[in-house]
C-alpha atoms as a PDB file:
ATOM      1  CA  MET A   1     -32.276  16.758   7.705  1.00  0.00           C
ATOM      2  CA  SER A   2     -31.153  20.326   7.396  1.00  0.00           C
ATOM      3  CA  GLU A   3     -27.718  21.571   6.127  1.00  0.00           C
ATOM      4  CA  ASN A   4     -26.789  22.567   9.565  1.00  0.00           C
ATOM      5  CA  ASN A   5     -27.814  19.648  11.376  1.00  0.00           C
ATOM      6  CA  LEU A   6     -26.094  17.505   8.821  1.00  0.00           C
ATOM      7  CA  SER A   7     -22.771  19.384   9.474  1.00  0.00           C
ATOM      8  CA  GLU A   8     -23.359  19.026  13.244  1.00  0.00           C
ATOM      9  CA  ASN A   9     -23.549  15.223  12.962  1.00  0.00           C
ATOM     10  CA  ILE A  10     -20.376  14.880  11.023  1.00  0.00           C
ATOM     11  CA  LYS A  11     -17.298  14.826  13.150  1.00  0.00           C
ATOM     12  CA  GLU A  12     -14.596  17.375  12.109  1.00  0.00           C
ATOM     13  CA  PHE A  13     -11.198  15.977  10.812  1.00  0.00           C
ATOM     14  CA  PRO A  14      -9.875  14.297  12.944  1.00  0.00           C
ATOM     15  CA  ASN A  15     -13.117  12.371  14.003  1.00  0.00           C
ATOM     16  CA  ARG A  16     -12.305  12.379  17.720  1.00  0.00           C
ATOM     17  CA  GLU A  17     -14.766  13.223  20.491  1.00  0.00           C
ATOM     18  CA  PRO A  18     -14.099  16.475  22.333  1.00  0.00           C
ATOM     19  CA  ASN A  19     -13.622  14.573  25.711  1.00  0.00           C
ATOM     20  CA  GLN A  20     -11.649  11.828  24.277  1.00  0.00           C
ATOM     21  CA  ALA A  21      -7.994  11.667  25.097  1.00  0.00           C
ATOM     22  CA  LYS A  22      -5.463  12.538  22.121  1.00  0.00           C
ATOM     23  CA  PRO A  23      -4.200   9.182  20.566  1.00  0.00           C
ATOM     24  CA  ASN A  24      -0.724   8.366  20.590  1.00  0.00           C
ATOM     25  CA  ILE A  25       1.361   9.657  17.668  1.00  0.00           C
ATOM     26  CA  LEU A  26       3.070   6.314  16.915  1.00  0.00           C
ATOM     27  CA  LEU A  27      -0.532   4.605  17.193  1.00  0.00           C
ATOM     28  CA  SER A  28      -2.079   7.118  14.804  1.00  0.00           C
ATOM     29  CA  LEU A  29       0.982   6.464  12.239  1.00  0.00           C
ATOM     30  CA  VAL A  30       0.652   2.761  12.406  1.00  0.00           C
ATOM     31  CA  SER A  31      -2.998   2.892  11.964  1.00  0.00           C
ATOM     32  CA  GLY A  32      -2.824   5.137   8.918  1.00  0.00           C
ATOM     33  CA  LEU A  33       0.052   3.129   7.579  1.00  0.00           C
ATOM     34  CA  MET A  34      -1.944  -0.240   7.982  1.00  0.00           C
ATOM     35  CA  TYR A  35      -4.479   0.842   5.639  1.00  0.00           C
ATOM     36  CA  PHE A  36      -1.827   1.847   3.176  1.00  0.00           C
ATOM     37  CA  GLY A  37      -0.564  -1.618   3.550  1.00  0.00           C
ATOM     38  CA  LEU A  38      -3.990  -2.932   2.922  1.00  0.00           C
ATOM     39  CA  PHE A  39      -4.289  -0.979  -0.240  1.00  0.00           C
ATOM     40  CA  PHE A  40      -1.234  -2.733  -1.670  1.00  0.00           C
ATOM     41  CA  PHE A  41      -2.102  -6.171  -0.198  1.00  0.00           C
ATOM     42  CA  ALA A  42      -5.350  -6.238  -2.273  1.00  0.00           C
ATOM     43  CA  GLN A  43      -3.548  -5.222  -5.405  1.00  0.00           C
ATOM     44  CA  TYR A  44      -0.849  -7.827  -5.080  1.00  0.00           C
ATOM     45  CA  VAL A  45      -3.198 -10.558  -4.018  1.00  0.00           C
ATOM     46  CA  ILE A  46      -5.334 -10.044  -7.109  1.00  0.00           C
ATOM     47  CA  THR A  47      -2.180  -9.954  -9.331  1.00  0.00           C
ATOM     48  CA  PHE A  48      -0.813 -13.045  -7.738  1.00  0.00           C
ATOM     49  CA  VAL A  49      -4.092 -15.112  -8.142  1.00  0.00           C
ATOM     50  CA  LEU A  50      -4.447 -14.137 -11.751  1.00  0.00           C
ATOM     51  CA  MET A  51      -0.874 -14.898 -12.471  1.00  0.00           C
ATOM     52  CA  ILE A  52      -1.289 -18.297 -10.877  1.00  0.00           C
ATOM     53  CA  TYR A  53      -4.465 -19.015 -12.890  1.00  0.00           C
ATOM     54  CA  TYR A  54      -3.218 -17.798 -16.272  1.00  0.00           C
ATOM     55  CA  GLY A  55       0.239 -19.307 -15.690  1.00  0.00           C
ATOM     56  CA  THR A  56      -1.202 -22.716 -14.894  1.00  0.00           C
ATOM     57  CA  ALA A  57      -3.309 -22.649 -17.884  1.00  0.00           C
ATOM     58  CA  LYS A  58      -0.356 -21.617 -20.051  1.00  0.00           C
ATOM     59  CA  VAL A  59       1.847 -24.408 -18.647  1.00  0.00           C
ATOM     60  CA  ALA A  60      -0.868 -26.982 -19.305  1.00  0.00           C
ATOM     61  CA  GLU A  61      -1.437 -25.677 -22.793  1.00  0.00           C
ATOM     62  CA  ASP A  62       2.278 -25.775 -23.678  1.00  0.00           C
ATOM     63  CA  ALA A  63       2.572 -29.381 -22.110  1.00  0.00           C
ATOM     64  CA  ALA A  64      -0.228 -30.473 -24.260  1.00  0.00           C
ATOM     65  CA  ASN A  65       1.416 -29.101 -27.342  1.00  0.00           C
ATOM     66  CA  GLY A  66       4.825 -30.674 -26.394  1.00  0.00           C
ATOM     67  CA  VAL A  67       6.572 -27.237 -25.579  1.00  0.00           C
ATOM     68  CA  SER A  68       9.108 -27.588 -22.749  1.00  0.00           C
ATOM     69  CA  PHE A  69       8.694 -25.373 -19.787  1.00  0.00           C
ATOM     70  CA  ASN A  70      10.780 -22.145 -19.610  1.00  0.00           C
ATOM     71  CA  ALA A  71      10.536 -19.900 -16.613  1.00  0.00           C
ATOM     72  CA  GLU A  72      11.677 -16.639 -18.114  1.00  0.00           C
ATOM     73  CA  GLU A  73       9.267 -16.921 -21.190  1.00  0.00           C
ATOM     74  CA  LEU A  74       6.481 -17.661 -18.908  1.00  0.00           C
ATOM     75  CA  THR A  75       7.275 -14.731 -16.613  1.00  0.00           C
ATOM     76  CA  ALA A  76       7.410 -12.452 -19.662  1.00  0.00           C
ATOM     77  CA  TYR A  77       4.177 -13.719 -20.906  1.00  0.00           C
ATOM     78  CA  LEU A  78       2.393 -13.355 -17.666  1.00  0.00           C
ATOM     79  CA  GLU A  79       3.714  -9.757 -17.322  1.00  0.00           C
ATOM     80  CA  ALA A  80       2.385  -8.788 -20.589  1.00  0.00           C
ATOM     81  CA  LEU A  81      -0.953 -10.496 -19.959  1.00  0.00           C
ATOM     82  CA  ILE A  82      -1.456  -8.806 -16.897  1.00  0.00           C
ATOM     83  CA  TYR A  83      -0.610  -5.474 -18.423  1.00  0.00           C
ATOM     84  CA  GLN A  84      -3.370  -6.287 -21.048  1.00  0.00           C
ATOM     85  CA  LYS A  85      -5.805  -7.251 -18.353  1.00  0.00           C
ATOM     86  CA  ILE A  86      -5.140  -4.030 -16.238  1.00  0.00           C
ATOM     87  CA  ASN A  87      -8.809  -3.280 -16.234  1.00  0.00           C
ATOM     88  CA  LEU A  88      -9.664  -6.596 -14.642  1.00  0.00           C
ATOM     89  CA  VAL A  89      -7.139  -6.072 -12.089  1.00  0.00           C
ATOM     90  CA  PHE A  90      -8.666  -2.770 -11.118  1.00  0.00           C
ATOM     91  CA  ILE A  91     -12.210  -4.255 -10.961  1.00  0.00           C
ATOM     92  CA  LEU A  92     -11.105  -7.067  -8.761  1.00  0.00           C
ATOM     93  CA  TYR A  93      -8.576  -5.468  -6.364  1.00  0.00           C
ATOM     94  CA  VAL A  94     -10.922  -2.365  -5.680  1.00  0.00           C
ATOM     95  CA  SER A  95     -13.794  -5.033  -4.984  1.00  0.00           C
ATOM     96  CA  LEU A  96     -11.472  -6.993  -2.719  1.00  0.00           C
ATOM     97  CA  PHE A  97     -10.141  -3.874  -0.842  1.00  0.00           C
ATOM     98  CA  VAL A  98     -13.780  -2.535  -0.168  1.00  0.00           C
ATOM     99  CA  PHE A  99     -14.889  -5.790   0.834  1.00  0.00           C
ATOM    100  CA  ILE A 100     -11.966  -6.302   3.471  1.00  0.00           C
ATOM    101  CA  LEU A 101     -12.759  -2.879   4.731  1.00  0.00           C
ATOM    102  CA  ILE A 102     -16.510  -3.527   5.151  1.00  0.00           C
ATOM    103  CA  VAL A 103     -15.905  -6.837   7.084  1.00  0.00           C
ATOM    104  CA  PHE A 104     -13.191  -5.117   9.029  1.00  0.00           C
ATOM    105  CA  PHE A 105     -15.352  -2.491  10.519  1.00  0.00           C
ATOM    106  CA  ALA A 106     -18.379  -4.724  10.736  1.00  0.00           C
ATOM    107  CA  ILE A 107     -16.273  -7.022  13.142  1.00  0.00           C
ATOM    108  CA  ARG A 108     -15.277  -3.960  15.072  1.00  0.00           C
ATOM    109  CA  LYS A 109     -18.830  -2.803  15.196  1.00  0.00           C
ATOM    110  CA  LYS A 110     -18.036   0.598  13.509  1.00  0.00           C
ATOM    111  CA  SER A 111     -19.754   2.302  10.613  1.00  0.00           C
ATOM    112  CA  PHE A 112     -17.925   1.849   7.343  1.00  0.00           C
ATOM    113  CA  TRP A 113     -19.192   5.066   6.010  1.00  0.00           C
ATOM    114  CA  LYS A 114     -18.039   7.207   9.001  1.00  0.00           C
ATOM    115  CA  GLU A 115     -14.736   5.402   9.403  1.00  0.00           C
ATOM    116  CA  THR A 116     -13.829   5.858   5.735  1.00  0.00           C
ATOM    117  CA  ARG A 117     -15.364   9.505   5.685  1.00  0.00           C
ATOM    118  CA  ILE A 118     -17.854   8.624   2.961  1.00  0.00           C
ATOM    119  CA  VAL A 119     -20.268  10.935   4.456  1.00  0.00           C
ATOM    120  CA  PRO A 120     -22.415  13.711   2.888  1.00  0.00           C
ATOM    121  CA  PHE A 121     -20.932  17.192   2.691  1.00  0.00           C
ATOM    122  CA  PRO A 122     -22.943  20.504   2.885  1.00  0.00           C
ATOM    123  CA  ALA A 123     -24.523  21.557  -0.541  1.00  0.00           C
ATOM    124  CA  LYS A 124     -22.959  24.964  -0.136  1.00  0.00           C
ATOM    125  CA  TYR A 125     -19.470  23.410  -1.038  1.00  0.00           C
ATOM    126  CA  ILE A 126     -20.829  21.943  -4.409  1.00  0.00           C
ATOM    127  CA  PRO A 127     -19.951  25.041  -6.575  1.00  0.00           C
ATOM    128  CA  ALA A 128     -16.457  25.095  -5.142  1.00  0.00           C
ATOM    129  CA  VAL A 129     -16.007  21.331  -5.702  1.00  0.00           C
ATOM    130  CA  LEU A 130     -17.140  21.589  -9.405  1.00  0.00           C
ATOM    131  CA  VAL A 131     -14.985  24.618 -10.193  1.00  0.00           C
ATOM    132  CA  LEU A 132     -11.793  23.100  -8.519  1.00  0.00           C
ATOM    133  CA  SER A 133     -12.532  19.862 -10.611  1.00  0.00           C
ATOM    134  CA  VAL A 134     -12.219  21.988 -13.842  1.00  0.00           C
ATOM    135  CA  GLY A 135      -9.344  24.175 -12.624  1.00  0.00           C
ATOM    136  CA  LEU A 136      -7.152  21.241 -11.377  1.00  0.00           C
ATOM    137  CA  PHE A 137      -7.778  19.476 -14.728  1.00  0.00           C
ATOM    138  CA  PHE A 138      -6.598  22.400 -16.807  1.00  0.00           C
ATOM    139  CA  PHE A 139      -3.845  23.616 -14.651  1.00  0.00           C
ATOM    140  CA  LEU A 140      -2.108  20.225 -13.988  1.00  0.00           C
ATOM    141  CA  ASN A 141      -2.477  18.867 -17.452  1.00  0.00           C
ATOM    142  CA  ALA A 142      -1.029  22.333 -18.862  1.00  0.00           C
ATOM    143  CA  ILE A 143       1.854  22.310 -16.439  1.00  0.00           C
ATOM    144  CA  LEU A 144       2.724  18.677 -17.414  1.00  0.00           C
ATOM    145  CA  ASN A 145       2.871  19.712 -21.097  1.00  0.00           C
ATOM    146  CA  LEU A 146       5.580  22.229 -20.402  1.00  0.00           C
ATOM    147  CA  MET A 147       7.832  19.592 -18.876  1.00  0.00           C
ATOM    148  CA  PRO A 148      10.953  18.616 -21.012  1.00  0.00           C
ATOM    149  CA  GLN A 149      10.173  16.092 -23.862  1.00  0.00           C
ATOM    150  CA  SER A 150      12.294  13.334 -22.483  1.00  0.00           C
ATOM    151  CA  TRP A 151      10.275  13.616 -19.288  1.00  0.00           C
ATOM    152  CA  ILE A 152       6.961  13.524 -21.035  1.00  0.00           C
ATOM    153  CA  ALA A 153       7.950  10.516 -23.245  1.00  0.00           C
ATOM    154  CA  ASP A 154       8.975   8.476 -20.057  1.00  0.00           C
ATOM    155  CA  TYR A 155       5.706   9.683 -18.354  1.00  0.00           C
ATOM    156  CA  SER A 156       3.556   8.747 -21.467  1.00  0.00           C
ATOM    157  CA  GLU A 157       5.196   5.294 -21.534  1.00  0.00           C
ATOM    158  CA  SER A 158       4.606   4.693 -17.789  1.00  0.00           C
ATOM    159  CA  SER A 159       0.922   5.963 -18.117  1.00  0.00           C
ATOM    160  CA  SER A 160       0.102   4.148 -21.518  1.00  0.00           C
ATOM    161  CA  PHE A 161      -1.975   1.454 -19.580  1.00  0.00           C
ATOM    162  CA  ILE A 162      -4.843   4.160 -19.478  1.00  0.00           C
ATOM    163  CA  THR A 163      -5.618   3.448 -23.009  1.00  0.00           C
ATOM    164  CA  GLU A 164      -5.715  -0.471 -22.482  1.00  0.00           C
ATOM    165  CA  GLY A 165      -9.043  -1.889 -23.397  1.00  0.00           C
ATOM    166  CA  ALA A 166     -12.320  -0.042 -24.491  1.00  0.00           C
ATOM    167  CA  LEU A 167     -12.875   3.432 -23.583  1.00  0.00           C
ATOM    168  CA  TRP A 168     -16.107   2.773 -21.524  1.00  0.00           C
ATOM    169  CA  VAL A 169     -14.145   0.138 -19.519  1.00  0.00           C
ATOM    170  CA  SER A 170     -11.314   2.638 -18.883  1.00  0.00           C
ATOM    171  CA  LEU A 171     -13.713   5.309 -17.913  1.00  0.00           C
ATOM    172  CA  ILE A 172     -15.178   2.943 -15.284  1.00  0.00           C
ATOM    173  CA  THR A 173     -11.889   1.559 -13.983  1.00  0.00           C
ATOM    174  CA  LYS A 174      -9.635   4.550 -14.151  1.00  0.00           C
ATOM    175  CA  GLY A 175     -12.141   7.271 -13.917  1.00  0.00           C
ATOM    176  CA  LEU A 176     -14.310   5.780 -10.943  1.00  0.00           C
ATOM    177  CA  LEU A 177     -12.775   2.546  -9.315  1.00  0.00           C
ATOM    178  CA  ALA A 178      -9.224   4.153  -9.117  1.00  0.00           C
ATOM    179  CA  PRO A 179     -10.370   7.320  -7.434  1.00  0.00           C
ATOM    180  CA  LEU A 180     -12.573   5.324  -5.222  1.00  0.00           C
ATOM    181  CA  SER A 181      -9.740   3.103  -3.756  1.00  0.00           C
ATOM    182  CA  GLU A 182      -7.249   6.104  -3.615  1.00  0.00           C
ATOM    183  CA  GLU A 183      -9.619   8.353  -1.799  1.00  0.00           C
ATOM    184  CA  LEU A 184     -10.702   5.651   0.523  1.00  0.00           C
ATOM    185  CA  THR A 185      -7.040   4.878   1.398  1.00  0.00           C
ATOM    186  CA  PHE A 186      -5.245   8.407   1.299  1.00  0.00           C
ATOM    187  CA  ARG A 187      -7.821  10.968   2.192  1.00  0.00           C
ATOM    188  CA  GLY A 188     -10.526   8.759   3.970  1.00  0.00           C
ATOM    189  CA  LEU A 189      -8.477   6.275   6.144  1.00  0.00           C
ATOM    190  CA  MET A 190      -4.809   7.536   6.235  1.00  0.00           C
ATOM    191  CA  LEU A 191      -5.496  11.385   6.441  1.00  0.00           C
ATOM    192  CA  SER A 192      -8.065  11.067   9.293  1.00  0.00           C
ATOM    193  CA  ARG A 193      -5.912   8.677  11.327  1.00  0.00           C
ATOM    194  CA  PHE A 194      -2.740  10.772  11.026  1.00  0.00           C
ATOM    195  CA  ASN A 195      -4.797  14.017  12.054  1.00  0.00           C
ATOM    196  CA  ARG A 196      -5.840  12.426  15.212  1.00  0.00           C
ATOM    197  CA  ALA A 197      -2.554  13.083  16.790  1.00  0.00           C
ATOM    198  CA  LEU A 198      -0.390  14.826  14.230  1.00  0.00           C
ATOM    199  CA  PRO A 199      -0.433  18.506  13.079  1.00  0.00           C
ATOM    200  CA  LYS A 200      -2.802  18.705  10.016  1.00  0.00           C
ATOM    201  CA  TRP A 201       0.172  19.668   7.769  1.00  0.00           C
ATOM    202  CA  VAL A 202       2.080  16.760   8.655  1.00  0.00           C
ATOM    203  CA  GLY A 203      -0.832  14.382   7.999  1.00  0.00           C
ATOM    204  CA  ILE A 204      -1.359  16.286   4.624  1.00  0.00           C
ATOM    205  CA  LEU A 205       2.307  15.942   3.777  1.00  0.00           C
ATOM    206  CA  ILE A 206       2.794  12.231   4.739  1.00  0.00           C
ATOM    207  CA  SER A 207      -0.385  11.122   2.870  1.00  0.00           C
ATOM    208  CA  SER A 208       0.390  13.221  -0.339  1.00  0.00           C
ATOM    209  CA  VAL A 209       4.022  11.942  -0.486  1.00  0.00           C
ATOM    210  CA  LEU A 210       2.768   8.355  -0.220  1.00  0.00           C
ATOM    211  CA  PHE A 211       0.077   9.054  -2.802  1.00  0.00           C
ATOM    212  CA  GLY A 212       2.825  10.312  -5.146  1.00  0.00           C
ATOM    213  CA  LEU A 213       4.977   7.474  -4.551  1.00  0.00           C
ATOM    214  CA  VAL A 214       2.477   4.817  -5.461  1.00  0.00           C
ATOM    215  CA  HIS A 215       2.316   6.345  -8.916  1.00  0.00           C
ATOM    216  CA  GLY A 216       5.847   5.314  -9.509  1.00  0.00           C
ATOM    217  CA  GLN A 217       7.311   7.389 -12.352  1.00  0.00           C
ATOM    218  CA  ALA A 218       9.114  10.546 -11.195  1.00  0.00           C
ATOM    219  CA  LEU A 219       7.085  13.070 -12.887  1.00  0.00           C
ATOM    220  CA  TRP A 220       3.957  11.319 -12.056  1.00  0.00           C
ATOM    221  CA  PHE A 221       5.169  11.426  -8.416  1.00  0.00           C
ATOM    222  CA  PHE A 222       5.183  15.315  -8.223  1.00  0.00           C
ATOM    223  CA  TYR A 223       1.958  15.416 -10.304  1.00  0.00           C
ATOM    224  CA  ALA A 224       0.133  13.160  -7.953  1.00  0.00           C
ATOM    225  CA  MET A 225       1.713  14.808  -4.754  1.00  0.00           C
ATOM    226  CA  VAL A 226       0.402  18.250  -5.780  1.00  0.00           C
ATOM    227  CA  LEU A 227      -2.964  16.709  -6.417  1.00  0.00           C
ATOM    228  CA  GLY A 228      -2.886  14.797  -3.137  1.00  0.00           C
ATOM    229  CA  ILE A 229      -2.076  18.002  -1.196  1.00  0.00           C
ATOM    230  CA  ILE A 230      -5.025  19.990  -2.768  1.00  0.00           C
ATOM    231  CA  LEU A 231      -7.271  17.005  -2.209  1.00  0.00           C
ATOM    232  CA  CYS A 232      -6.455  16.714   1.533  1.00  0.00           C
ATOM    233  CA  LEU A 233      -7.091  20.419   1.963  1.00  0.00           C
ATOM    234  CA  ILE A 234     -10.605  19.904   0.285  1.00  0.00           C
ATOM    235  CA  ALA A 235     -11.095  16.687   2.324  1.00  0.00           C
ATOM    236  CA  ILE A 236     -10.490  18.470   5.681  1.00  0.00           C
ATOM    237  CA  ARG A 237     -12.574  21.610   4.595  1.00  0.00           C
ATOM    238  CA  THR A 238     -15.561  19.650   3.439  1.00  0.00           C
ATOM    239  CA  ASN A 239     -15.162  16.872   6.091  1.00  0.00           C
ATOM    240  CA  SER A 240     -15.977  14.253   3.653  1.00  0.00           C
ATOM    241  CA  ILE A 241     -14.139  12.419   0.781  1.00  0.00           C
ATOM    242  CA  LEU A 242     -17.280  12.478  -1.360  1.00  0.00           C
ATOM    243  CA  SER A 243     -16.149  15.881  -2.275  1.00  0.00           C
ATOM    244  CA  THR A 244     -12.559  14.675  -3.244  1.00  0.00           C
ATOM    245  CA  PHE A 245     -13.815  11.647  -4.964  1.00  0.00           C
ATOM    246  CA  ILE A 246     -16.127  13.831  -7.301  1.00  0.00           C
ATOM    247  CA  ILE A 247     -12.908  16.046  -7.881  1.00  0.00           C
ATOM    248  CA  HIS A 248     -10.692  13.067  -8.401  1.00  0.00           C
ATOM    249  CA  SER A 249     -12.953  11.115 -10.522  1.00  0.00           C
ATOM    250  CA  LEU A 250     -13.832  14.082 -12.742  1.00  0.00           C
ATOM    251  CA  PHE A 251     -10.008  14.766 -13.163  1.00  0.00           C
ATOM    252  CA  ASN A 252      -9.329  11.157 -14.159  1.00  0.00           C
ATOM    253  CA  LEU A 253     -12.324  10.764 -16.490  1.00  0.00           C
ATOM    254  CA  GLY A 254     -11.083  13.879 -18.360  1.00  0.00           C
ATOM    255  CA  GLY A 255      -7.659  12.424 -18.437  1.00  0.00           C
ATOM    256  CA  VAL A 256      -8.898   9.039 -19.892  1.00  0.00           C
ATOM    257  CA  PHE A 257     -11.025  10.770 -22.527  1.00  0.00           C
ATOM    258  CA  ILE A 258      -8.178  12.958 -23.696  1.00  0.00           C
ATOM    259  CA  SER A 259      -5.750   9.888 -23.828  1.00  0.00           C
ATOM    260  CA  TYR A 260      -8.144   8.303 -26.430  1.00  0.00           C
ATOM    261  CA  VAL A 261      -8.581  11.511 -28.428  1.00  0.00           C
ATOM    262  CA  GLU A 262      -5.736  13.238 -30.244  1.00  0.00           C
ATOM    263  CA  LEU A 263      -5.872  16.920 -29.462  1.00  0.00           C
ATOM    264  CA  PRO A 264      -3.534  19.691 -30.946  1.00  0.00           C
ATOM    265  CA  ILE A 265      -1.246  20.929 -28.159  1.00  0.00           C
ATOM    266  CA  THR A 266       0.412  24.229 -28.859  1.00  0.00           C
ATOM    267  CA  LEU A 267       2.160  26.656 -26.619  1.00  0.00           C
ATOM    268  CA  PRO A 268      -0.582  29.347 -26.755  1.00  0.00           C
ATOM    269  CA  ILE A 269      -3.089  26.538 -25.720  1.00  0.00           C
ATOM    270  CA  ILE A 270      -0.950  25.511 -22.996  1.00  0.00           C
ATOM    271  CA  ILE A 271      -0.580  28.972 -21.551  1.00  0.00           C
ATOM    272  CA  ALA A 272      -4.259  29.725 -21.982  1.00  0.00           C
ATOM    273  CA  ALA A 273      -5.075  26.512 -20.083  1.00  0.00           C
ATOM    274  CA  ILE A 274      -2.612  27.441 -17.302  1.00  0.00           C
ATOM    275  CA  ILE A 275      -4.386  30.980 -17.015  1.00  0.00           C
ATOM    276  CA  VAL A 276      -7.885  29.451 -17.037  1.00  0.00           C
ATOM    277  CA  GLY A 277      -6.658  26.661 -14.478  1.00  0.00           C
ATOM    278  CA  THR A 278      -5.177  29.173 -12.233  1.00  0.00           C
ATOM    279  CA  ILE A 279      -8.304  31.430 -12.354  1.00  0.00           C
ATOM    280  CA  LEU A 280     -10.690  28.551 -11.636  1.00  0.00           C
ATOM    281  CA  LEU A 281      -8.474  27.184  -8.745  1.00  0.00           C
ATOM    282  CA  ALA A 282      -8.398  30.634  -7.065  1.00  0.00           C
ATOM    283  CA  LEU A 283     -12.126  31.032  -7.477  1.00  0.00           C
ATOM    284  CA  GLY A 284     -12.792  27.416  -6.184  1.00  0.00           C
ATOM    285  CA  PHE A 285     -10.654  28.023  -2.970  1.00  0.00           C
ATOM    286  CA  CYS A 286     -12.390  31.369  -2.459  1.00  0.00           C
ATOM    287  CA  LEU A 287     -15.674  29.738  -2.738  1.00  0.00           C
ATOM    288  CA  LEU A 288     -14.478  27.003  -0.335  1.00  0.00           C
ATOM    289  CA  TYR A 289     -13.136  29.264   2.275  1.00  0.00           C
ATOM    290  CA  HIS A 290     -15.467  32.317   1.896  1.00  0.00           C
ATOM    291  CA  LYS A 291     -16.565  33.867   5.240  1.00  0.00           C
ATOM    292  CA  LYS A 292     -20.288  33.519   4.248  1.00  0.00           C
ATOM    293  CA  THR A 293     -19.486  29.755   3.462  1.00  0.00           C
ATOM    294  CA  VAL A 294     -17.996  29.338   6.876  1.00  0.00           C
ATOM    295  CA  ALA A 295     -20.939  30.999   8.476  1.00  0.00           C
ATOM    296  CA  ALA A 296     -23.618  29.143   6.618  1.00  0.00           C
END
């Protein structure tokens, strides 16, 4: 299939037929938020099941050793254990989330790939995607290191789970599985539903704010929200979340890797990274929106 034919067979964000009535705004919001709820549901189900499993085993072990039951100690034990097994949580919840989506769309006789926007994007956008991946990594990480030390300390503590487990396991879970579930949810399912009835900028703002909120810590919220806005623009432009998955995955993979390696961070290095990141971001968006690219 040629690139032009490929582009014609992928409906533009939002994926609505030209002669189809514009969906109700409330319905579009509810539809998008439903997938947001499913994203959390999968995480909490897996966490709950693991806590029940390990909690039951702990209570049985304590009873066999003659240790009396203590709810507070058990809760603290389980919280620490789940934190240690965060990679297992990632693997199980992403698997459950994707499985539910596949079954849901199969029951509705709809294509999982089209509904989630996991569709090919034209090869002409590949250079822009790669340049933007590097630009985002340099720019956002450099800006992060300019924040007040107290903010950085709080951020580092809240994101310390990244280095839990072996490096290769973290690269798979945080570098591949986490971006997959987040792109499916925030750019694939939510953004496309919001954009069916809402102005695109509203859909981008809602999905990006929610993307920031799920990251919890205040600095991480703004960090993720900015990333979310950029990823939304790229998803809309390329009409696919494969492009944003590549960018998100490369971004996270770089973050995981440097979390395991101690690198010297000095002001000149930070300023250089900001300059390089800014240049690459500008170049990436120029490649993404260049007139020749549009006409191709």
